[in-house]
């Protein structure tokens, strides 16, 4: 069933190429047939040796052209099949990625902690949050002390890994965008200043200019015009 579906998908998505290739194939077959018929006529009418050589050369030319066409077509269809399989695998990985986020207990707990931390650090503040503000916050959550910076780091590491998956074609951008776009843009907007300061570093910790760079690229790409002023 999977192979039949793959072939049907190829025909459906590339029907123009299949149509042109079929017409070219038929033209080559018809012209080759005409030259074969011509050779038969030559042998019956006793044409000169030059005529026979000329027609034989033309037949060889069209035979080689036909072989080249078959070779190119086979290679192209093989490439389409590989790309189709890769696209299907990419989409499968994307749905697994989303499903994992809704079922994995550690991920569910991580995002629950992030919601608590986000609410606490913002506390009605709509401006980007600075590192000096965030590093001081420790929250009591279910009897455990949560350092706001640790929770933010875990979530943004997860976001960065997702963005990297898209950049390397391991995940399908359209599927992930439909699921994550709003969260990515809003969370980046809230913590962009914190991340910029982390990139520069502090006296007690070195900076990292590439910190969450894949996520930033994706956010800039996905942000709506009215959201870009905040990122």
Foldseek 3Di string as FASTA:
>chain_A
DVVVVLVVVLCVVPVVVVVVLVVVLVVLVVVLVVLVVVLVVCVVVVDDPVVNVVSVVVNVVSVVVNVVSVVVVVVVVVVSSVVSVLLVQQAVLQVVLVVCCVPPPVNVVLVVVLVVLVCVLCVVPPQAGAQVSQQVDWDQDPNDTRRSVVSLVVVLVVLLVVLVCVVVSSHPPVSCCVVCLVVLLSVCLRHVNHLVDQQPPDPVGHHNVCVSVSSVVVNCVSDDPVSNVSD
